[in-house]
């Protein structure tokens, strides 16, 4: 079994000039998550230093691009066999000396009801949720759990490739959920930590936080994160102080 410090962090990154959320995510991982290497898959910002990079095409939808990126990471021999799958807006706010735990969001049916109640017409995300759920049910997983949380997810490469192959015909695959259910990874249930707006009402004691671009740039949660990690980290240009 790999130790926490032998596990890599994998983060798909889309094209963008600055990406301040990624900057502070890197600071939070450097401070609080034991790991070996950070792998950026897709676009590598010019200010990022001392990471590993897997370039990928960025000409599909965001869902297709991230799925392509995760597959590329799983196929890359340099990436650790178990890695932490992150987004560029995942912030780890407290030390995780034993590694990041496996967490889920509860039944997919409950998550579906939440999103269905917020929209008049289902978009790609909700359609992908339903398609992934229907596929998992057809394979015998009657009440699958959702792993679509905005927190790092420990991933085993062979298991993720299996999940992506099973879901290869889906236009939008909920790959974290497919991976978690098909590999029976279990875990503990938490509420999602994504802060959607500028409201001061967020859990300042949460181990994990995630933001929208606006809530990070202009909201109370963004101020809190920036105050928590004021110093540059080794993954930034000039960031070895």
C-alpha atoms as a PDB file:
ATOM      1  CA  UNK A   1       0.000   0.000   0.000  1.00  0.00           C
ATOM      2  CA  UNK A   2       1.273   3.452  -0.909  1.00  0.00           C
ATOM      3  CA  UNK A   3       1.928   5.991   1.810  1.00  0.00           C
ATOM      4  CA  UNK A   4       0.313   9.433   1.594  1.00  0.00           C
ATOM      5  CA  UNK A   5       3.613  11.035   0.589  1.00  0.00           C
ATOM      6  CA  UNK A   6       3.963   8.655  -2.387  1.00  0.00           C
ATOM      7  CA  UNK A   7       0.628   9.668  -3.922  1.00  0.00           C
ATOM      8  CA  UNK A   8       0.530  12.223  -6.737  1.00  0.00           C
ATOM      9  CA  UNK A   9      -2.014  15.006  -7.242  1.00  0.00           C
ATOM     10  CA  UNK A  10      -3.634  15.200 -10.684  1.00  0.00           C
ATOM     11  CA  UNK A  11      -5.517  18.345 -11.732  1.00  0.00           C
ATOM     12  CA  UNK A  12      -7.056  18.978 -15.161  1.00  0.00           C
ATOM     13  CA  UNK A  13      -6.661  22.658 -16.098  1.00  0.00           C
ATOM     14  CA  UNK A  14      -8.423  24.479 -18.911  1.00  0.00           C
ATOM     15  CA  UNK A  15      -6.902  27.322 -20.919  1.00  0.00           C
ATOM     16  CA  UNK A  16      -6.780  30.578 -18.968  1.00  0.00           C
ATOM     17  CA  UNK A  17      -4.369  33.439 -18.437  1.00  0.00           C
ATOM     18  CA  UNK A  18      -4.082  33.767 -14.672  1.00  0.00           C
ATOM     19  CA  UNK A  19      -6.188  31.236 -12.744  1.00  0.00           C
ATOM     20  CA  UNK A  20      -5.817  32.598  -9.224  1.00  0.00           C
ATOM     21  CA  UNK A  21      -7.945  29.760  -7.889  1.00  0.00           C
ATOM     22  CA  UNK A  22      -5.288  27.298  -9.045  1.00  0.00           C
ATOM     23  CA  UNK A  23      -2.590  29.411  -7.391  1.00  0.00           C
ATOM     24  CA  UNK A  24      -4.273  29.161  -3.999  1.00  0.00           C
ATOM     25  CA  UNK A  25      -5.256  25.536  -4.508  1.00  0.00           C
ATOM     26  CA  UNK A  26      -1.573  24.742  -5.054  1.00  0.00           C
ATOM     27  CA  UNK A  27      -0.676  26.659  -1.911  1.00  0.00           C
ATOM     28  CA  UNK A  28      -3.232  24.686   0.074  1.00  0.00           C
ATOM     29  CA  UNK A  29      -1.983  21.343  -1.257  1.00  0.00           C
ATOM     30  CA  UNK A  30       1.647  22.273  -0.624  1.00  0.00           C
ATOM     31  CA  UNK A  31       0.768  23.184   2.957  1.00  0.00           C
ATOM     32  CA  UNK A  32      -1.703  20.458   3.889  1.00  0.00           C
ATOM     33  CA  UNK A  33      -1.609  17.421   1.581  1.00  0.00           C
ATOM     34  CA  UNK A  34       1.298  14.948   1.694  1.00  0.00           C
ATOM     35  CA  UNK A  35       2.151  14.062  -1.916  1.00  0.00           C
ATOM     36  CA  UNK A  36       4.961  13.237  -4.315  1.00  0.00           C
ATOM     37  CA  UNK A  37       4.285  15.274  -7.468  1.00  0.00           C
ATOM     38  CA  UNK A  38       1.597  17.571  -8.825  1.00  0.00           C
ATOM     39  CA  UNK A  39       0.537  16.738 -12.382  1.00  0.00           C
ATOM     40  CA  UNK A  40      -1.256  19.410 -14.402  1.00  0.00           C
ATOM     41  CA  UNK A  41      -3.180  17.911 -17.293  1.00  0.00           C
ATOM     42  CA  UNK A  42      -4.160  20.178 -20.178  1.00  0.00           C
ATOM     43  CA  UNK A  43      -3.101  23.824 -19.973  1.00  0.00           C
ATOM     44  CA  UNK A  44       0.028  24.772 -18.014  1.00  0.00           C
ATOM     45  CA  UNK A  45      -0.044  28.418 -16.831  1.00  0.00           C
ATOM     46  CA  UNK A  46       3.221  30.271 -17.372  1.00  0.00           C
ATOM     47  CA  UNK A  47       3.650  31.104 -13.679  1.00  0.00           C
ATOM     48  CA  UNK A  48       3.529  27.467 -12.497  1.00  0.00           C
ATOM     49  CA  UNK A  49       6.840  25.836 -11.556  1.00  0.00           C
ATOM     50  CA  UNK A  50       8.126  22.388 -10.567  1.00  0.00           C
ATOM     51  CA  UNK A  51       5.063  20.375 -11.553  1.00  0.00           C
ATOM     52  CA  UNK A  52       4.733  17.534 -14.047  1.00  0.00           C
ATOM     53  CA  UNK A  53       2.708  18.311 -17.174  1.00  0.00           C
ATOM     54  CA  UNK A  54       0.588  16.194 -19.506  1.00  0.00           C
ATOM     55  CA  UNK A  55      -0.573  18.297 -22.485  1.00  0.00           C
ATOM     56  CA  UNK A  56      -3.965  17.330 -23.916  1.00  0.00           C
ATOM     57  CA  UNK A  57      -6.306  18.677 -26.553  1.00  0.00           C
ATOM     58  CA  UNK A  58      -8.768  21.282 -25.298  1.00  0.00           C
ATOM     59  CA  UNK A  59     -11.176  21.366 -28.223  1.00  0.00           C
ATOM     60  CA  UNK A  60     -14.128  19.471 -26.732  1.00  0.00           C
ATOM     61  CA  UNK A  61     -16.677  20.378 -24.066  1.00  0.00           C
ATOM     62  CA  UNK A  62     -15.373  20.859 -20.543  1.00  0.00           C
ATOM     63  CA  UNK A  63     -16.701  17.399 -19.666  1.00  0.00           C
ATOM     64  CA  UNK A  64     -14.961  15.779 -22.640  1.00  0.00           C
ATOM     65  CA  UNK A  65     -11.738  17.665 -21.922  1.00  0.00           C
ATOM     66  CA  UNK A  66     -11.590  16.573 -18.285  1.00  0.00           C
ATOM     67  CA  UNK A  67     -12.445  12.974 -19.157  1.00  0.00           C
ATOM     68  CA  UNK A  68      -9.661  12.991 -21.749  1.00  0.00           C
ATOM     69  CA  UNK A  69      -7.329  14.452 -19.142  1.00  0.00           C
ATOM     70  CA  UNK A  70      -8.146  11.857 -16.497  1.00  0.00           C
ATOM     71  CA  UNK A  71      -7.652   9.054 -19.013  1.00  0.00           C
ATOM     72  CA  UNK A  72      -4.299  10.557 -20.049  1.00  0.00           C
ATOM     73  CA  UNK A  73      -3.178  10.667 -16.414  1.00  0.00           C
ATOM     74  CA  UNK A  74      -4.201   7.046 -15.867  1.00  0.00           C
ATOM     75  CA  UNK A  75      -2.247   5.962 -18.947  1.00  0.00           C
ATOM     76  CA  UNK A  76       0.878   7.913 -18.024  1.00  0.00           C
ATOM     77  CA  UNK A  77       3.423   5.590 -16.402  1.00  0.00           C
ATOM     78  CA  UNK A  78       4.945   8.432 -14.412  1.00  0.00           C
ATOM     79  CA  UNK A  79       1.761   9.118 -12.439  1.00  0.00           C
ATOM     80  CA  UNK A  80       1.478   7.163  -9.194  1.00  0.00           C
ATOM     81  CA  UNK A  81      -0.805   4.111  -9.309  1.00  0.00           C
ATOM     82  CA  UNK A  82      -3.042   5.804  -6.771  1.00  0.00           C
ATOM     83  CA  UNK A  83      -3.466   9.549  -7.139  1.00  0.00           C
ATOM     84  CA  UNK A  84      -5.652  12.350  -5.831  1.00  0.00           C
ATOM     85  CA  UNK A  85      -8.005  13.683  -8.500  1.00  0.00           C
ATOM     86  CA  UNK A  86      -8.523  17.407  -7.926  1.00  0.00           C
ATOM     87  CA  UNK A  87     -10.016  20.402  -9.686  1.00  0.00           C
ATOM     88  CA  UNK A  88      -8.208  23.729  -9.828  1.00  0.00           C
ATOM     89  CA  UNK A  89     -10.671  25.196  -7.314  1.00  0.00           C
ATOM     90  CA  UNK A  90     -10.286  22.575  -4.554  1.00  0.00           C
ATOM     91  CA  UNK A  91      -8.776  24.021  -1.377  1.00  0.00           C
ATOM     92  CA  UNK A  92      -7.579  21.847   1.517  1.00  0.00           C
ATOM     93  CA  UNK A  93      -7.760  24.021   4.595  1.00  0.00           C
ATOM     94  CA  UNK A  94      -6.261  21.755   7.284  1.00  0.00           C
ATOM     95  CA  UNK A  95      -3.386  19.252   7.394  1.00  0.00           C
ATOM     96  CA  UNK A  96      -4.139  15.721   6.184  1.00  0.00           C
ATOM     97  CA  UNK A  97      -1.117  13.818   7.549  1.00  0.00           C
ATOM     98  CA  UNK A  98      -2.622  10.393   6.799  1.00  0.00           C
ATOM     99  CA  UNK A  99      -3.873  11.351   3.338  1.00  0.00           C
ATOM    100  CA  UNK A 100      -7.230  12.552   2.028  1.00  0.00           C
ATOM    101  CA  UNK A 101     -10.157  10.281   2.976  1.00  0.00           C
ATOM    102  CA  UNK A 102     -12.703   8.836   0.556  1.00  0.00           C
ATOM    103  CA  UNK A 103     -15.874  10.929   0.702  1.00  0.00           C
ATOM    104  CA  UNK A 104     -19.224  10.788  -1.089  1.00  0.00           C
ATOM    105  CA  UNK A 105     -22.366  12.897  -1.363  1.00  0.00           C
ATOM    106  CA  UNK A 106     -25.017  10.284  -0.587  1.00  0.00           C
ATOM    107  CA  UNK A 107     -27.375   8.622  -3.067  1.00  0.00           C
ATOM    108  CA  UNK A 108     -27.391   9.866  -6.650  1.00  0.00           C
ATOM    109  CA  UNK A 109     -31.187  10.066  -6.380  1.00  0.00           C
ATOM    110  CA  UNK A 110     -30.893  12.764  -3.713  1.00  0.00           C
ATOM    111  CA  UNK A 111     -28.339  14.738  -5.721  1.00  0.00           C
ATOM    112  CA  UNK A 112     -30.562  14.475  -8.798  1.00  0.00           C
ATOM    113  CA  UNK A 113     -33.530  15.867  -6.861  1.00  0.00           C
ATOM    114  CA  UNK A 114     -31.408  18.797  -5.669  1.00  0.00           C
ATOM    115  CA  UNK A 115     -30.325  19.797  -9.176  1.00  0.00           C
ATOM    116  CA  UNK A 116     -33.709  19.093 -10.753  1.00  0.00           C
ATOM    117  CA  UNK A 117     -35.297  21.488  -8.258  1.00  0.00           C
ATOM    118  CA  UNK A 118     -32.988  24.322  -9.308  1.00  0.00           C
ATOM    119  CA  UNK A 119     -33.583  24.300 -13.068  1.00  0.00           C
ATOM    120  CA  UNK A 120     -36.590  24.347 -15.386  1.00  0.00           C
ATOM    121  CA  UNK A 121     -34.813  22.446 -18.131  1.00  0.00           C
ATOM    122  CA  UNK A 122     -32.035  19.923 -17.482  1.00  0.00           C
ATOM    123  CA  UNK A 123     -28.630  20.954 -18.767  1.00  0.00           C
ATOM    124  CA  UNK A 124     -25.680  18.781 -19.663  1.00  0.00           C
ATOM    125  CA  UNK A 125     -24.652  18.183 -16.054  1.00  0.00           C
ATOM    126  CA  UNK A 126     -28.049  16.857 -14.984  1.00  0.00           C
ATOM    127  CA  UNK A 127     -28.445  14.824 -18.160  1.00  0.00           C
ATOM    128  CA  UNK A 128     -25.016  13.328 -17.523  1.00  0.00           C
ATOM    129  CA  UNK A 129     -25.972  12.517 -13.948  1.00  0.00           C
ATOM    130  CA  UNK A 130     -29.056  10.671 -15.121  1.00  0.00           C
ATOM    131  CA  UNK A 131     -27.243   8.843 -17.903  1.00  0.00           C
ATOM    132  CA  UNK A 132     -24.477   7.730 -15.541  1.00  0.00           C
ATOM    133  CA  UNK A 133     -27.041   6.675 -12.938  1.00  0.00           C
ATOM    134  CA  UNK A 134     -29.074   4.700 -15.482  1.00  0.00           C
ATOM    135  CA  UNK A 135     -25.967   2.895 -16.706  1.00  0.00           C
ATOM    136  CA  UNK A 136     -24.906   1.989 -13.172  1.00  0.00           C
ATOM    137  CA  UNK A 137     -28.406   0.735 -12.342  1.00  0.00           C
ATOM    138  CA  UNK A 138     -28.389  -1.396 -15.512  1.00  0.00           C
ATOM    139  CA  UNK A 139     -25.190  -3.000 -14.225  1.00  0.00           C
ATOM    140  CA  UNK A 140     -26.821  -3.975 -10.934  1.00  0.00           C
ATOM    141  CA  UNK A 141     -26.079  -0.961  -8.721  1.00  0.00           C
ATOM    142  CA  UNK A 142     -29.652  -0.205  -7.716  1.00  0.00           C
ATOM    143  CA  UNK A 143     -29.088   2.856  -5.539  1.00  0.00           C
ATOM    144  CA  UNK A 144     -25.634   4.208  -6.441  1.00  0.00           C
ATOM    145  CA  UNK A 145     -23.798   6.796  -4.393  1.00  0.00           C
ATOM    146  CA  UNK A 146     -22.655  10.099  -5.855  1.00  0.00           C
ATOM    147  CA  UNK A 147     -18.973  10.995  -5.616  1.00  0.00           C
ATOM    148  CA  UNK A 148     -19.452  14.346  -7.382  1.00  0.00           C
ATOM    149  CA  UNK A 149     -18.073  16.357  -4.488  1.00  0.00           C
ATOM    150  CA  UNK A 150     -15.755  19.342  -4.792  1.00  0.00           C
ATOM    151  CA  UNK A 151     -13.050  17.637  -2.757  1.00  0.00           C
ATOM    152  CA  UNK A 152      -9.995  15.565  -3.744  1.00  0.00           C
ATOM    153  CA  UNK A 153     -10.806  11.936  -4.571  1.00  0.00           C
ATOM    154  CA  UNK A 154      -8.277   9.104  -4.152  1.00  0.00           C
ATOM    155  CA  UNK A 155      -8.247   7.247  -7.488  1.00  0.00           C
ATOM    156  CA  UNK A 156      -6.651   3.965  -8.529  1.00  0.00           C
ATOM    157  CA  UNK A 157      -5.591   4.095 -12.174  1.00  0.00           C
ATOM    158  CA  UNK A 158      -6.794   0.665 -13.306  1.00  0.00           C
ATOM    159  CA  UNK A 159     -10.165   1.169 -11.653  1.00  0.00           C
ATOM    160  CA  UNK A 160     -10.673   4.573 -13.255  1.00  0.00           C
ATOM    161  CA  UNK A 161      -9.769   3.255 -16.710  1.00  0.00           C
ATOM    162  CA  UNK A 162     -12.313   0.485 -16.204  1.00  0.00           C
ATOM    163  CA  UNK A 163     -14.980   3.044 -15.272  1.00  0.00           C
ATOM    164  CA  UNK A 164     -14.181   5.268 -18.256  1.00  0.00           C
ATOM    165  CA  UNK A 165     -14.362   2.282 -20.598  1.00  0.00           C
ATOM    166  CA  UNK A 166     -17.734   1.223 -19.201  1.00  0.00           C
ATOM    167  CA  UNK A 167     -19.043   4.782 -19.703  1.00  0.00           C
ATOM    168  CA  UNK A 168     -17.335   5.451 -23.027  1.00  0.00           C
ATOM    169  CA  UNK A 169     -20.608   5.949 -24.935  1.00  0.00           C
ATOM    170  CA  UNK A 170     -21.921   8.624 -22.564  1.00  0.00           C
ATOM    171  CA  UNK A 171     -21.613  12.205 -23.804  1.00  0.00           C
ATOM    172  CA  UNK A 172     -21.267  13.515 -20.228  1.00  0.00           C
ATOM    173  CA  UNK A 173     -19.991  10.947 -17.768  1.00  0.00           C
ATOM    174  CA  UNK A 174     -19.941  11.564 -14.029  1.00  0.00           C
ATOM    175  CA  UNK A 175     -16.570   9.879 -13.798  1.00  0.00           C
ATOM    176  CA  UNK A 176     -16.034  10.231 -10.067  1.00  0.00           C
ATOM    177  CA  UNK A 177     -19.374   8.545  -9.426  1.00  0.00           C
ATOM    178  CA  UNK A 178     -18.770   5.831 -12.016  1.00  0.00           C
ATOM    179  CA  UNK A 179     -15.333   5.158 -10.531  1.00  0.00           C
ATOM    180  CA  UNK A 180     -16.552   5.086  -6.938  1.00  0.00           C
ATOM    181  CA  UNK A 181     -19.553   2.837  -7.593  1.00  0.00           C
ATOM    182  CA  UNK A 182     -17.931   0.388 -10.024  1.00  0.00           C
ATOM    183  CA  UNK A 183     -14.956  -0.051  -7.694  1.00  0.00           C
ATOM    184  CA  UNK A 184     -17.008  -0.126  -4.487  1.00  0.00           C
ATOM    185  CA  UNK A 185     -14.781   2.389  -2.734  1.00  0.00           C
ATOM    186  CA  UNK A 186     -17.288   3.253   0.007  1.00  0.00           C
ATOM    187  CA  UNK A 187     -16.336   6.279   2.078  1.00  0.00           C
ATOM    188  CA  UNK A 188     -18.001   8.740   4.428  1.00  0.00           C
ATOM    189  CA  UNK A 189     -20.873  11.039   3.483  1.00  0.00           C
ATOM    190  CA  UNK A 190     -20.518  14.824   3.626  1.00  0.00           C
ATOM    191  CA  UNK A 191     -22.357  17.793   2.194  1.00  0.00           C
ATOM    192  CA  UNK A 192     -20.763  19.414  -0.815  1.00  0.00           C
ATOM    193  CA  UNK A 193     -18.394  22.250   0.068  1.00  0.00           C
ATOM    194  CA  UNK A 194     -18.824  24.399  -3.053  1.00  0.00           C
ATOM    195  CA  UNK A 195     -19.538  28.047  -2.148  1.00  0.00           C
ATOM    196  CA  UNK A 196     -21.637  29.411  -4.998  1.00  0.00           C
ATOM    197  CA  UNK A 197     -21.988  33.091  -4.096  1.00  0.00           C
ATOM    198  CA  UNK A 198     -20.541  36.005  -2.123  1.00  0.00           C
ATOM    199  CA  UNK A 199     -22.496  35.238   1.045  1.00  0.00           C
ATOM    200  CA  UNK A 200     -20.536  35.270   4.312  1.00  0.00           C
ATOM    201  CA  UNK A 201     -22.399  32.084   5.289  1.00  0.00           C
ATOM    202  CA  UNK A 202     -19.901  29.296   4.769  1.00  0.00           C
ATOM    203  CA  UNK A 203     -18.232  26.869   7.143  1.00  0.00           C
ATOM    204  CA  UNK A 204     -14.903  28.382   8.148  1.00  0.00           C
ATOM    205  CA  UNK A 205     -14.061  25.167  10.009  1.00  0.00           C
ATOM    206  CA  UNK A 206     -14.460  22.976   6.943  1.00  0.00           C
ATOM    207  CA  UNK A 207     -11.412  20.907   6.031  1.00  0.00           C
ATOM    208  CA  UNK A 208     -12.290  21.389   2.353  1.00  0.00           C
ATOM    209  CA  UNK A 209     -13.606  24.382   0.409  1.00  0.00           C
ATOM    210  CA  UNK A 210     -14.342  25.084  -3.237  1.00  0.00           C
ATOM    211  CA  UNK A 211     -15.436  28.240  -5.016  1.00  0.00           C
ATOM    212  CA  UNK A 212     -16.923  29.690  -8.150  1.00  0.00           C
ATOM    213  CA  UNK A 213     -14.790  32.296  -9.963  1.00  0.00           C
ATOM    214  CA  UNK A 214     -16.975  35.119  -8.606  1.00  0.00           C
ATOM    215  CA  UNK A 215     -17.174  33.826  -5.041  1.00  0.00           C
ATOM    216  CA  UNK A 216     -13.394  33.433  -5.022  1.00  0.00           C
ATOM    217  CA  UNK A 217     -12.657  36.861  -6.518  1.00  0.00           C
ATOM    218  CA  UNK A 218     -15.308  38.906  -4.698  1.00  0.00           C
ATOM    219  CA  UNK A 219     -16.849  36.798  -1.936  1.00  0.00           C
ATOM    220  CA  UNK A 220     -16.109  36.331   1.732  1.00  0.00           C
ATOM    221  CA  UNK A 221     -14.921  32.785   1.070  1.00  0.00           C
ATOM    222  CA  UNK A 222     -12.277  34.035  -1.370  1.00  0.00           C
ATOM    223  CA  UNK A 223     -10.967  36.509   1.180  1.00  0.00           C
ATOM    224  CA  UNK A 224     -10.835  33.733   3.775  1.00  0.00           C
ATOM    225  CA  UNK A 225      -8.852  31.429   1.480  1.00  0.00           C
ATOM    226  CA  UNK A 226      -6.400  34.145   0.466  1.00  0.00           C
ATOM    227  CA  UNK A 227      -5.827  35.067   4.121  1.00  0.00           C
ATOM    228  CA  UNK A 228      -5.228  31.414   4.952  1.00  0.00           C
ATOM    229  CA  UNK A 229      -2.436  31.020   2.376  1.00  0.00           C
ATOM    230  CA  UNK A 230      -0.694  34.413   2.023  1.00  0.00           C
ATOM    231  CA  UNK A 231       2.732  33.100   1.008  1.00  0.00           C
ATOM    232  CA  UNK A 232       3.839  31.734  -2.331  1.00  0.00           C
ATOM    233  CA  UNK A 233       4.530  28.012  -2.504  1.00  0.00           C
ATOM    234  CA  UNK A 234       7.203  26.052  -4.415  1.00  0.00           C
ATOM    235  CA  UNK A 235       4.813  25.586  -7.342  1.00  0.00           C
ATOM    236  CA  UNK A 236       4.833  29.313  -8.187  1.00  0.00           C
ATOM    237  CA  UNK A 237       7.509  31.285  -9.979  1.00  0.00           C
ATOM    238  CA  UNK A 238       9.694  32.779  -7.273  1.00  0.00           C
ATOM    239  CA  UNK A 239       7.793  30.792  -4.692  1.00  0.00           C
ATOM    240  CA  UNK A 240      10.431  29.082  -2.613  1.00  0.00           C
ATOM    241  CA  UNK A 241      10.303  31.468   0.314  1.00  0.00           C
END
